[in-house]
Amino acid sequence: MHATYTLDQAAALLNLGRNSLARRLREAGVLGTDNLPAGRYRGRVNLVIVATGTYWHPICGWTHYGRSEFTDAGLDHIASKLGIELARLPCASAQQVPHTHNARNAQHG
C-alpha cells in the first residue's frame, strides 16, 4: 500500500496550518464541510481516500469516524490547485556522496 497523508501531515508538507489548509480545500471544492471529499473528488482514490474507524466516546459509546487522507498524487494535485510550491525530495535510489572527511585527515592537513 502506498503512503497517505492526513490533513495535519499534508498541511505540514505544504507549509500551512491544518485549519488553513482545510479552509482552502473547502473553498476550492475539494473537501466538504465535514472535511471529507466533495463533488468530483468523492471516490477518486488515486487522489484522496477516506480512512474510517471507530473510537469510544464516553457519552455516545462507540462512534464511527471518517477522515480524508491524501495520496502522493493527491498531494501534488492539491499543491498545484492551491498554487503552492511543493518541495521535491531526492529519490530514495539516488546515490549518496561518500563522506571522506575523518578525524585523522583533520589532524594532518
PDB file of N, CA and C in Angstrom:
ATOM      1  N   MET A   1       0.843  -1.180   0.000  1.00  0.00           N
ATOM      2  CA  MET A   1       0.000   0.000   0.000  1.00  0.00           C
ATOM      3  C   MET A   1       0.890   1.245   0.000  1.00  0.00           C
ATOM      4  N   HIS A   2       0.487   2.248  -0.723  1.00  0.00           N
ATOM      5  CA  HIS A   2       1.232   3.493  -0.826  1.00  0.00           C
ATOM      6  C   HIS A   2       0.966   4.368   0.387  1.00  0.00           C
ATOM      7  N   ALA A   3       1.894   5.261   0.652  1.00  0.00           N
ATOM      8  CA  ALA A   3       1.750   6.173   1.779  1.00  0.00           C
ATOM      9  C   ALA A   3       0.617   7.154   1.523  1.00  0.00           C
ATOM     10  N   THR A   4      -0.074   7.511   2.576  1.00  0.00           N
ATOM     11  CA  THR A   4      -1.079   8.560   2.515  1.00  0.00           C
ATOM     12  C   THR A   4      -0.757   9.574   3.603  1.00  0.00           C
ATOM     13  N   TYR A   5      -1.315  10.756   3.452  1.00  0.00           N
ATOM     14  CA  TYR A   5      -1.035  11.858   4.361  1.00  0.00           C
ATOM     15  C   TYR A   5      -2.333  12.387   4.932  1.00  0.00           C
ATOM     16  N   THR A   6      -2.400  12.479   6.260  1.00  0.00           N
ATOM     17  CA  THR A   6      -3.572  13.066   6.901  1.00  0.00           C
ATOM     18  C   THR A   6      -3.579  14.560   6.603  1.00  0.00           C
ATOM     19  N   LEU A   7      -4.642  15.219   6.972  1.00  0.00           N
ATOM     20  CA  LEU A   7      -4.733  16.662   6.775  1.00  0.00           C
ATOM     21  C   LEU A   7      -3.606  17.376   7.533  1.00  0.00           C
ATOM     22  N   ASP A   8      -3.296  16.915   8.742  1.00  0.00           N
ATOM     23  CA  ASP A   8      -2.192  17.504   9.515  1.00  0.00           C
ATOM     24  C   ASP A   8      -0.858  17.347   8.784  1.00  0.00           C
ATOM     25  N   GLN A   9      -0.593  16.130   8.301  1.00  0.00           N
ATOM     26  CA  GLN A   9       0.671  15.860   7.614  1.00  0.00           C
ATOM     27  C   GLN A   9       0.764  16.633   6.305  1.00  0.00           C
ATOM     28  N   ALA A  10      -0.331  16.665   5.554  1.00  0.00           N
ATOM     29  CA  ALA A  10      -0.352  17.397   4.283  1.00  0.00           C
ATOM     30  C   ALA A  10      -0.111  18.886   4.535  1.00  0.00           C
ATOM     31  N   ALA A  11      -0.727  19.427   5.574  1.00  0.00           N
ATOM     32  CA  ALA A  11      -0.552  20.844   5.896  1.00  0.00           C
ATOM     33  C   ALA A  11       0.914  21.145   6.193  1.00  0.00           C
ATOM     34  N   ALA A  12       1.556  20.278   6.955  1.00  0.00           N
ATOM     35  CA  ALA A  12       2.969  20.493   7.279  1.00  0.00           C
ATOM     36  C   ALA A  12       3.824  20.458   6.020  1.00  0.00           C
ATOM     37  N   LEU A  13       3.552  19.526   5.113  1.00  0.00           N
ATOM     38  CA  LEU A  13       4.323  19.430   3.878  1.00  0.00           C
ATOM     39  C   LEU A  13       4.099  20.624   2.957  1.00  0.00           C
ATOM     40  N   LEU A  14       2.926  21.245   3.077  1.00  0.00           N
ATOM     41  CA  LEU A  14       2.595  22.403   2.251  1.00  0.00           C
ATOM     42  C   LEU A  14       2.907  23.721   2.965  1.00  0.00           C
ATOM     43  N   ASN A  15       3.507  23.615   4.149  1.00  0.00           N
ATOM     44  CA  ASN A  15       3.878  24.782   4.943  1.00  0.00           C
ATOM     45  C   ASN A  15       2.670  25.651   5.293  1.00  0.00           C
ATOM     46  N   LEU A  16       1.588  24.982   5.672  1.00  0.00           N
ATOM     47  CA  LEU A  16       0.362  25.648   6.099  1.00  0.00           C
ATOM     48  C   LEU A  16      -0.076  25.058   7.426  1.00  0.00           C
ATOM     49  N   GLY A  17      -0.976  25.739   8.096  1.00  0.00           N
ATOM     50  CA  GLY A  17      -1.626  25.169   9.269  1.00  0.00           C
ATOM     51  C   GLY A  17      -2.742  24.243   8.824  1.00  0.00           C
ATOM     52  N   ARG A  18      -3.126  23.308   9.689  1.00  0.00           N
ATOM     53  CA  ARG A  18      -4.178  22.350   9.359  1.00  0.00           C
ATOM     54  C   ARG A  18      -5.492  23.066   9.021  1.00  0.00           C
ATOM     55  N   ASN A  19      -5.892  24.019   9.851  1.00  0.00           N
ATOM     56  CA  ASN A  19      -7.162  24.716   9.625  1.00  0.00           C
ATOM     57  C   ASN A  19      -7.128  25.560   8.355  1.00  0.00           C
ATOM     58  N   SER A  20      -5.987  26.182   8.083  1.00  0.00           N
ATOM     59  CA  SER A  20      -5.861  26.982   6.852  1.00  0.00           C
ATOM     60  C   SER A  20      -5.980  26.094   5.620  1.00  0.00           C
ATOM     61  N   LEU A  21      -5.310  24.931   5.650  1.00  0.00           N
ATOM     62  CA  LEU A  21      -5.393  24.011   4.515  1.00  0.00           C
ATOM     63  C   LEU A  21      -6.824  23.510   4.341  1.00  0.00           C
ATOM     64  N   ALA A  22      -7.461  23.107   5.436  1.00  0.00           N
ATOM     65  CA  ALA A  22      -8.839  22.612   5.349  1.00  0.00           C
ATOM     66  C   ALA A  22      -9.763  23.680   4.763  1.00  0.00           C
ATOM     67  N   ARG A  23      -9.628  24.921   5.223  1.00  0.00           N
ATOM     68  CA  ARG A  23     -10.462  26.008   4.715  1.00  0.00           C
ATOM     69  C   ARG A  23     -10.241  26.225   3.220  1.00  0.00           C
ATOM     70  N   ARG A  24      -8.958  26.245   2.798  1.00  0.00           N
ATOM     71  CA  ARG A  24      -8.657  26.454   1.378  1.00  0.00           C
ATOM     72  C   ARG A  24      -9.172  25.304   0.519  1.00  0.00           C
ATOM     73  N   LEU A  25      -9.096  24.079   1.037  1.00  0.00           N
ATOM     74  CA  LEU A  25      -9.606  22.931   0.284  1.00  0.00           C
ATOM     75  C   LEU A  25     -11.137  22.956   0.205  1.00  0.00           C
ATOM     76  N   ARG A  26     -11.801  23.433   1.249  1.00  0.00           N
ATOM     77  CA  ARG A  26     -13.264  23.577   1.190  1.00  0.00           C
ATOM     78  C   ARG A  26     -13.635  24.654   0.172  1.00  0.00           C
ATOM     79  N   GLU A  27     -12.914  25.785   0.194  1.00  0.00           N
ATOM     80  CA  GLU A  27     -13.169  26.869  -0.760  1.00  0.00           C
ATOM     81  C   GLU A  27     -12.934  26.419  -2.197  1.00  0.00           C
ATOM     82  N   ALA A  28     -11.967  25.517  -2.405  1.00  0.00           N
ATOM     83  CA  ALA A  28     -11.646  25.025  -3.755  1.00  0.00           C
ATOM     84  C   ALA A  28     -12.561  23.880  -4.177  1.00  0.00           C
ATOM     85  N   GLY A  29     -13.446  23.436  -3.286  1.00  0.00           N
ATOM     86  CA  GLY A  29     -14.378  22.366  -3.639  1.00  0.00           C
ATOM     87  C   GLY A  29     -13.799  20.968  -3.535  1.00  0.00           C
ATOM     88  N   VAL A  30     -12.624  20.835  -2.927  1.00  0.00           N
ATOM     89  CA  VAL A  30     -12.007  19.525  -2.761  1.00  0.00           C
ATOM     90  C   VAL A  30     -12.634  18.792  -1.580  1.00  0.00           C
ATOM     91  N   LEU A  31     -12.871  19.526  -0.496  1.00  0.00           N
ATOM     92  CA  LEU A  31     -13.484  18.953   0.698  1.00  0.00           C
ATOM     93  C   LEU A  31     -14.827  19.611   0.964  1.00  0.00           C
ATOM     94  N   GLY A  32     -15.719  18.851   1.603  1.00  0.00           N
ATOM     95  CA  GLY A  32     -16.997  19.391   2.040  1.00  0.00           C
ATOM     96  C   GLY A  32     -16.881  19.954   3.446  1.00  0.00           C
ATOM     97  N   THR A  33     -17.996  20.390   4.002  1.00  0.00           N
ATOM     98  CA  THR A  33     -17.977  20.975   5.341  1.00  0.00           C
ATOM     99  C   THR A  33     -17.538  19.982   6.415  1.00  0.00           C
ATOM    100  N   ASP A  34     -17.647  18.695   6.121  1.00  0.00           N
ATOM    101  CA  ASP A  34     -17.214  17.658   7.060  1.00  0.00           C
ATOM    102  C   ASP A  34     -15.754  17.256   6.850  1.00  0.00           C
ATOM    103  N   ASN A  35     -15.042  17.974   5.983  1.00  0.00           N
ATOM    104  CA  ASN A  35     -13.640  17.703   5.618  1.00  0.00           C
ATOM    105  C   ASN A  35     -13.448  16.352   4.938  1.00  0.00           C
ATOM    106  N   LEU A  36     -14.499  15.821   4.363  1.00  0.00           N
ATOM    107  CA  LEU A  36     -14.418  14.615   3.540  1.00  0.00           C
ATOM    108  C   LEU A  36     -14.498  15.035   2.081  1.00  0.00           C
ATOM    109  N   PRO A  37     -14.024  14.192   1.163  1.00  0.00           N
ATOM    110  CA  PRO A  37     -14.018  14.574  -0.254  1.00  0.00           C
ATOM    111  C   PRO A  37     -15.395  15.014  -0.742  1.00  0.00           C
ATOM    112  N   ALA A  38     -15.406  16.051  -1.546  1.00  0.00           N
ATOM    113  CA  ALA A  38     -16.657  16.604  -2.067  1.00  0.00           C
ATOM    114  C   ALA A  38     -16.690  16.493  -3.578  1.00  0.00           C
ATOM    115  N   GLY A  39     -17.893  16.495  -4.125  1.00  0.00           N
ATOM    116  CA  GLY A  39     -18.099  16.546  -5.565  1.00  0.00           C
ATOM    117  C   GLY A  39     -17.289  15.538  -6.343  1.00  0.00           C
ATOM    118  N   ARG A  40     -16.532  16.034  -7.310  1.00  0.00           N
ATOM    119  CA  ARG A  40     -15.784  15.148  -8.205  1.00  0.00           C
ATOM    120  C   ARG A  40     -14.625  14.441  -7.513  1.00  0.00           C
ATOM    121  N   TYR A  41     -14.279  14.841  -6.301  1.00  0.00           N
ATOM    122  CA  TYR A  41     -13.184  14.197  -5.571  1.00  0.00           C
ATOM    123  C   TYR A  41     -13.662  12.970  -4.791  1.00  0.00           C
ATOM    124  N   ARG A  42     -14.961  12.844  -4.635  1.00  0.00           N
ATOM    125  CA  ARG A  42     -15.504  11.691  -3.937  1.00  0.00           C
ATOM    126  C   ARG A  42     -15.285  10.445  -4.798  1.00  0.00           C
ATOM    127  N   GLY A  43     -14.665   9.443  -4.229  1.00  0.00           N
ATOM    128  CA  GLY A  43     -14.436   8.194  -4.956  1.00  0.00           C
ATOM    129  C   GLY A  43     -13.171   8.181  -5.794  1.00  0.00           C
ATOM    130  N   ARG A  44     -12.415   9.261  -5.823  1.00  0.00           N
ATOM    131  CA  ARG A  44     -11.162   9.308  -6.605  1.00  0.00           C
ATOM    132  C   ARG A  44     -10.012   8.872  -5.706  1.00  0.00           C
ATOM    133  N   VAL A  45      -9.920   7.563  -5.493  1.00  0.00           N
ATOM    134  CA  VAL A  45      -8.957   7.017  -4.538  1.00  0.00           C
ATOM    135  C   VAL A  45      -7.507   7.207  -4.976  1.00  0.00           C
ATOM    136  N   ASN A  46      -7.288   7.602  -6.203  1.00  0.00           N
ATOM    137  CA  ASN A  46      -5.916   7.914  -6.619  1.00  0.00           C
ATOM    138  C   ASN A  46      -5.469   9.267  -6.057  1.00  0.00           C
ATOM    139  N   LEU A  47      -6.399  10.096  -5.596  1.00  0.00           N
ATOM    140  CA  LEU A  47      -6.073  11.404  -5.044  1.00  0.00           C
ATOM    141  C   LEU A  47      -6.314  11.486  -3.539  1.00  0.00           C
ATOM    142  N   VAL A  48      -7.491  11.088  -3.129  1.00  0.00           N
ATOM    143  CA  VAL A  48      -7.863  11.198  -1.711  1.00  0.00           C
ATOM    144  C   VAL A  48      -8.708   9.986  -1.320  1.00  0.00           C
ATOM    145  N   ILE A  49      -8.380   9.421  -0.169  1.00  0.00           N
ATOM    146  CA  ILE A  49      -9.163   8.294   0.332  1.00  0.00           C
ATOM    147  C   ILE A  49      -9.793   8.699   1.655  1.00  0.00           C
ATOM    148  N   VAL A  50     -10.814   7.953   2.061  1.00  0.00           N
ATOM    149  CA  VAL A  50     -11.435   8.181   3.355  1.00  0.00           C
ATOM    150  C   VAL A  50     -11.079   7.000   4.244  1.00  0.00           C
ATOM    151  N   ALA A  51     -10.289   7.283   5.267  1.00  0.00           N
ATOM    152  CA  ALA A  51      -9.945   6.266   6.258  1.00  0.00           C
ATOM    153  C   ALA A  51     -11.052   6.282   7.305  1.00  0.00           C
ATOM    154  N   THR A  52     -11.557   5.120   7.649  1.00  0.00           N
ATOM    155  CA  THR A  52     -12.636   5.039   8.621  1.00  0.00           C
ATOM    156  C   THR A  52     -12.192   4.254   9.836  1.00  0.00           C
ATOM    157  N   GLY A  53     -12.878   4.466  10.909  1.00  0.00           N
ATOM    158  CA  GLY A  53     -12.576   3.742  12.134  1.00  0.00           C
ATOM    159  C   GLY A  53     -13.632   4.023  13.183  1.00  0.00           C
ATOM    160  N   THR A  54     -13.394   3.533  14.373  1.00  0.00           N
ATOM    161  CA  THR A  54     -14.290   3.780  15.493  1.00  0.00           C
ATOM    162  C   THR A  54     -13.467   4.189  16.703  1.00  0.00           C
ATOM    163  N   TYR A  55     -14.091   4.896  17.603  1.00  0.00           N
ATOM    164  CA  TYR A  55     -13.462   5.242  18.873  1.00  0.00           C
ATOM    165  C   TYR A  55     -14.538   5.242  19.953  1.00  0.00           C
ATOM    166  N   TRP A  56     -14.119   5.130  21.190  1.00  0.00           N
ATOM    167  CA  TRP A  56     -15.045   5.110  22.313  1.00  0.00           C
ATOM    168  C   TRP A  56     -15.277   6.534  22.805  1.00  0.00           C
ATOM    169  N   HIS A  57     -16.520   6.976  22.729  1.00  0.00           N
ATOM    170  CA  HIS A  57     -16.915   8.286  23.251  1.00  0.00           C
ATOM    171  C   HIS A  57     -17.591   8.050  24.599  1.00  0.00           C
ATOM    172  N   PRO A  58     -17.198   8.787  25.646  1.00  0.00           N
ATOM    173  CA  PRO A  58     -17.722   8.499  26.978  1.00  0.00           C
ATOM    174  C   PRO A  58     -19.240   8.667  27.132  1.00  0.00           C
ATOM    175  N   ILE A  59     -19.865   9.449  26.292  1.00  0.00           N
ATOM    176  CA  ILE A  59     -21.317   9.643  26.386  1.00  0.00           C
ATOM    177  C   ILE A  59     -22.057   8.828  25.325  1.00  0.00           C
ATOM    178  N   CYS A  60     -21.565   8.851  24.088  1.00  0.00           N
ATOM    179  CA  CYS A  60     -22.251   8.202  22.968  1.00  0.00           C
ATOM    180  C   CYS A  60     -21.866   6.736  22.786  1.00  0.00           C
ATOM    181  N   GLY A  61     -20.795   6.299  23.411  1.00  0.00           N
ATOM    182  CA  GLY A  61     -20.325   4.930  23.197  1.00  0.00           C
ATOM    183  C   GLY A  61     -19.469   4.862  21.946  1.00  0.00           C
ATOM    184  N   TRP A  62     -19.466   3.700  21.300  1.00  0.00           N
ATOM    185  CA  TRP A  62     -18.656   3.527  20.095  1.00  0.00           C
ATOM    186  C   TRP A  62     -19.179   4.433  18.994  1.00  0.00           C
ATOM    187  N   THR A  63     -18.284   5.210  18.415  1.00  0.00           N
ATOM    188  CA  THR A  63     -18.638   6.188  17.386  1.00  0.00           C
ATOM    189  C   THR A  63     -17.760   5.970  16.164  1.00  0.00           C
ATOM    190  N   HIS A  64     -18.375   6.024  14.995  1.00  0.00           N
ATOM    191  CA  HIS A  64     -17.643   5.871  13.732  1.00  0.00           C
ATOM    192  C   HIS A  64     -17.133   7.237  13.271  1.00  0.00           C
ATOM    193  N   TYR A  65     -16.009   7.220  12.579  1.00  0.00           N
ATOM    194  CA  TYR A  65     -15.481   8.460  12.012  1.00  0.00           C
ATOM    195  C   TYR A  65     -14.880   8.170  10.649  1.00  0.00           C
ATOM    196  N   GLY A  66     -14.746   9.210   9.858  1.00  0.00           N
ATOM    197  CA  GLY A  66     -14.042   9.143   8.583  1.00  0.00           C
ATOM    198  C   GLY A  66     -13.120  10.336   8.496  1.00  0.00           C
ATOM    199  N   ARG A  67     -11.936  10.136   7.928  1.00  0.00           N
ATOM    200  CA  ARG A  67     -11.007  11.258   7.756  1.00  0.00           C
ATOM    201  C   ARG A  67     -10.375  11.155   6.380  1.00  0.00           C
ATOM    202  N   SER A  68     -10.155  12.300   5.779  1.00  0.00           N
ATOM    203  CA  SER A  68      -9.541  12.363   4.457  1.00  0.00           C
ATOM    204  C   SER A  68      -8.045  12.156   4.581  1.00  0.00           C
ATOM    205  N   GLU A  69      -7.501  11.339   3.686  1.00  0.00           N
ATOM    206  CA  GLU A  69      -6.061  11.141   3.578  1.00  0.00           C
ATOM    207  C   GLU A  69      -5.681  11.277   2.112  1.00  0.00           C
ATOM    208  N   PHE A  70      -4.595  11.983   1.863  1.00  0.00           N
ATOM    209  CA  PHE A  70      -4.167  12.282   0.504  1.00  0.00           C
ATOM    210  C   PHE A  70      -3.052  11.342   0.071  1.00  0.00           C
ATOM    211  N   THR A  71      -3.127  10.881  -1.162  1.00  0.00           N
ATOM    212  CA  THR A  71      -2.054  10.079  -1.737  1.00  0.00           C
ATOM    213  C   THR A  71      -0.952  11.019  -2.209  1.00  0.00           C
ATOM    214  N   ASP A  72       0.157  10.451  -2.672  1.00  0.00           N
ATOM    215  CA  ASP A  72       1.221  11.289  -3.237  1.00  0.00           C
ATOM    216  C   ASP A  72       0.683  12.117  -4.406  1.00  0.00           C
ATOM    217  N   ALA A  73      -0.087  11.460  -5.284  1.00  0.00           N
ATOM    218  CA  ALA A  73      -0.661  12.174  -6.427  1.00  0.00           C
ATOM    219  C   ALA A  73      -1.660  13.230  -5.950  1.00  0.00           C
ATOM    220  N   GLY A  74      -2.402  12.923  -4.903  1.00  0.00           N
ATOM    221  CA  GLY A  74      -3.356  13.881  -4.346  1.00  0.00           C
ATOM    222  C   GLY A  74      -2.672  15.089  -3.756  1.00  0.00           C
ATOM    223  N   LEU A  75      -1.545  14.849  -3.086  1.00  0.00           N
ATOM    224  CA  LEU A  75      -0.779  15.947  -2.515  1.00  0.00           C
ATOM    225  C   LEU A  75      -0.240  16.848  -3.625  1.00  0.00           C
ATOM    226  N   ASP A  76       0.283  16.248  -4.685  1.00  0.00           N
ATOM    227  CA  ASP A  76       0.744  17.033  -5.834  1.00  0.00           C
ATOM    228  C   ASP A  76      -0.412  17.829  -6.435  1.00  0.00           C
ATOM    229  N   HIS A  77      -1.578  17.185  -6.552  1.00  0.00           N
ATOM    230  CA  HIS A  77      -2.750  17.819  -7.154  1.00  0.00           C
ATOM    231  C   HIS A  77      -3.211  19.025  -6.340  1.00  0.00           C
ATOM    232  N   ILE A  78      -3.337  18.853  -5.022  1.00  0.00           N
ATOM    233  CA  ILE A  78      -3.833  19.979  -4.234  1.00  0.00           C
ATOM    234  C   ILE A  78      -2.800  21.099  -4.158  1.00  0.00           C
ATOM    235  N   ALA A  79      -1.519  20.763  -4.158  1.00  0.00           N
ATOM    236  CA  ALA A  79      -0.484  21.813  -4.176  1.00  0.00           C
ATOM    237  C   ALA A  79      -0.620  22.634  -5.450  1.00  0.00           C
ATOM    238  N   SER A  80      -0.800  21.945  -6.570  1.00  0.00           N
ATOM    239  CA  SER A  80      -0.957  22.631  -7.847  1.00  0.00           C
ATOM    240  C   SER A  80      -2.243  23.455  -7.872  1.00  0.00           C
ATOM    241  N   LYS A  81      -3.319  22.866  -7.399  1.00  0.00           N
ATOM    242  CA  LYS A  81      -4.625  23.540  -7.396  1.00  0.00           C
ATOM    243  C   LYS A  81      -4.606  24.793  -6.527  1.00  0.00           C
ATOM    244  N   LEU A  82      -3.885  24.733  -5.409  1.00  0.00           N
ATOM    245  CA  LEU A  82      -3.819  25.869  -4.499  1.00  0.00           C
ATOM    246  C   LEU A  82      -2.666  26.818  -4.817  1.00  0.00           C
ATOM    247  N   GLY A  83      -1.847  26.482  -5.825  1.00  0.00           N
ATOM    248  CA  GLY A  83      -0.728  27.340  -6.211  1.00  0.00           C
ATOM    249  C   GLY A  83       0.393  27.353  -5.187  1.00  0.00           C
ATOM    250  N   ILE A  84       0.637  26.194  -4.574  1.00  0.00           N
ATOM    251  CA  ILE A  84       1.671  26.077  -3.550  1.00  0.00           C
ATOM    252  C   ILE A  84       2.817  25.256  -4.115  1.00  0.00           C
ATOM    253  N   GLU A  85       4.036  25.740  -3.914  1.00  0.00           N
ATOM    254  CA  GLU A  85       5.223  25.008  -4.355  1.00  0.00           C
ATOM    255  C   GLU A  85       5.482  23.889  -3.364  1.00  0.00           C
ATOM    256  N   LEU A  86       5.519  22.678  -3.862  1.00  0.00           N
ATOM    257  CA  LEU A  86       5.762  21.511  -3.024  1.00  0.00           C
ATOM    258  C   LEU A  86       7.210  21.092  -3.207  1.00  0.00           C
ATOM    259  N   ALA A  87       7.974  21.079  -2.125  1.00  0.00           N
ATOM    260  CA  ALA A  87       9.388  20.709  -2.195  1.00  0.00           C
ATOM    261  C   ALA A  87       9.518  19.269  -2.663  1.00  0.00           C
ATOM    262  N   ARG A  88      10.458  19.014  -3.530  1.00  0.00           N
ATOM    263  CA  ARG A  88      10.731  17.664  -4.030  1.00  0.00           C
ATOM    264  C   ARG A  88      11.864  17.059  -3.220  1.00  0.00           C
ATOM    265  N   LEU A  89      11.666  15.850  -2.751  1.00  0.00           N
ATOM    266  CA  LEU A  89      12.698  15.137  -2.021  1.00  0.00           C
ATOM    267  C   LEU A  89      13.502  14.307  -2.996  1.00  0.00           C
ATOM    268  N   PRO A  90      14.772  14.070  -2.717  1.00  0.00           N
ATOM    269  CA  PRO A  90      15.566  13.235  -3.621  1.00  0.00           C
ATOM    270  C   PRO A  90      15.017  11.810  -3.646  1.00  0.00           C
ATOM    271  N   CYS A  91      15.119  11.198  -4.784  1.00  0.00           N
ATOM    272  CA  CYS A  91      14.655   9.825  -4.954  1.00  0.00           C
ATOM    273  C   CYS A  91      15.420   8.917  -4.000  1.00  0.00           C
ATOM    274  N   ALA A  92      14.740   7.936  -3.428  1.00  0.00           N
ATOM    275  CA  ALA A  92      15.373   7.021  -2.466  1.00  0.00           C
ATOM    276  C   ALA A  92      16.527   6.253  -3.100  1.00  0.00           C
ATOM    277  N   SER A  93      16.480   6.046  -4.409  1.00  0.00           N
ATOM    278  CA  SER A  93      17.532   5.293  -5.079  1.00  0.00           C
ATOM    279  C   SER A  93      18.711   6.179  -5.492  1.00  0.00           C
ATOM    280  N   ALA A  94      18.612   7.491  -5.208  1.00  0.00           N
ATOM    281  CA  ALA A  94      19.694   8.404  -5.582  1.00  0.00           C
ATOM    282  C   ALA A  94      20.954   8.030  -4.807  1.00  0.00           C
ATOM    283  N   GLN A  95      22.075   8.118  -5.487  1.00  0.00           N
ATOM    284  CA  GLN A  95      23.343   7.751  -4.859  1.00  0.00           C
ATOM    285  C   GLN A  95      23.773   8.845  -3.894  1.00  0.00           C
ATOM    286  N   GLN A  96      24.261   8.435  -2.733  1.00  0.00           N
ATOM    287  CA  GLN A  96      24.771   9.385  -1.773  1.00  0.00           C
ATOM    288  C   GLN A  96      26.267   9.548  -1.989  1.00  0.00           C
ATOM    289  N   VAL A  97      26.750  10.766  -1.819  1.00  0.00           N
ATOM    290  CA  VAL A  97      28.173  11.047  -1.944  1.00  0.00           C
ATOM    291  C   VAL A  97      28.855  10.536  -0.683  1.00  0.00           C
ATOM    292  N   PRO A  98      29.887   9.705  -0.813  1.00  0.00           N
ATOM    293  CA  PRO A  98      30.544   9.197   0.379  1.00  0.00           C
ATOM    294  C   PRO A  98      31.241  10.314   1.151  1.00  0.00           C
ATOM    295  N   HIS A  99      31.199  10.217   2.451  1.00  0.00           N
ATOM    296  CA  HIS A  99      31.821  11.211   3.325  1.00  0.00           C
ATOM    297  C   HIS A  99      33.267  10.803   3.551  1.00  0.00           C
ATOM    298  N   THR A 100      34.220  11.574   3.057  1.00  0.00           N
ATOM    299  CA  THR A 100      35.632  11.189   3.117  1.00  0.00           C
ATOM    300  C   THR A 100      36.380  11.865   4.250  1.00  0.00           C
ATOM    301  N   HIS A 101      35.790  12.831   4.904  1.00  0.00           N
ATOM    302  CA  HIS A 101      36.472  13.543   5.987  1.00  0.00           C
ATOM    303  C   HIS A 101      36.402  12.714   7.259  1.00  0.00           C
ATOM    304  N   ASN A 102      37.514  12.558   7.926  1.00  0.00           N
ATOM    305  CA  ASN A 102      37.523  11.898   9.231  1.00  0.00           C
ATOM    306  C   ASN A 102      38.507  12.617  10.134  1.00  0.00           C
ATOM    307  N   ALA A 103      38.556  12.222  11.378  1.00  0.00           N
ATOM    308  CA  ALA A 103      39.402  12.910  12.364  1.00  0.00           C
ATOM    309  C   ALA A 103      40.872  12.833  11.991  1.00  0.00           C
ATOM    310  N   ARG A 104      41.328  11.738  11.430  1.00  0.00           N
ATOM    311  CA  ARG A 104      42.728  11.590  11.059  1.00  0.00           C
ATOM    312  C   ARG A 104      43.114  12.609   9.979  1.00  0.00           C
ATOM    313  N   ASN A 105      42.232  12.836   8.992  1.00  0.00           N
ATOM    314  CA  ASN A 105      42.511  13.801   7.944  1.00  0.00           C
ATOM    315  C   ASN A 105      42.593  15.216   8.486  1.00  0.00           C
ATOM    316  N   ALA A 106      41.814  15.521   9.512  1.00  0.00           N
ATOM    317  CA  ALA A 106      41.795  16.870  10.078  1.00  0.00           C
ATOM    318  C   ALA A 106      43.109  17.179  10.792  1.00  0.00           C
ATOM    319  N   GLN A 107      43.756  16.183  11.370  1.00  0.00           N
ATOM    320  CA  GLN A 107      44.997  16.424  12.082  1.00  0.00           C
ATOM    321  C   GLN A 107      46.174  16.676  11.139  1.00  0.00           C
ATOM    322  N   HIS A 108      46.118  16.090   9.946  1.00  0.00           N
ATOM    323  CA  HIS A 108      47.264  16.182   9.025  1.00  0.00           C
ATOM    324  C   HIS A 108      47.072  17.217   7.934  1.00  0.00           C
ATOM    325  N   GLY A 109      46.105  17.978   7.989  1.00  0.00           N
ATOM    326  CA  GLY A 109      46.055  18.849   6.866  1.00  0.00           C
ATOM    327  C   GLY A 109      45.004  19.833   6.896  1.00  0.00           C
TER     328      GLY A 109
END
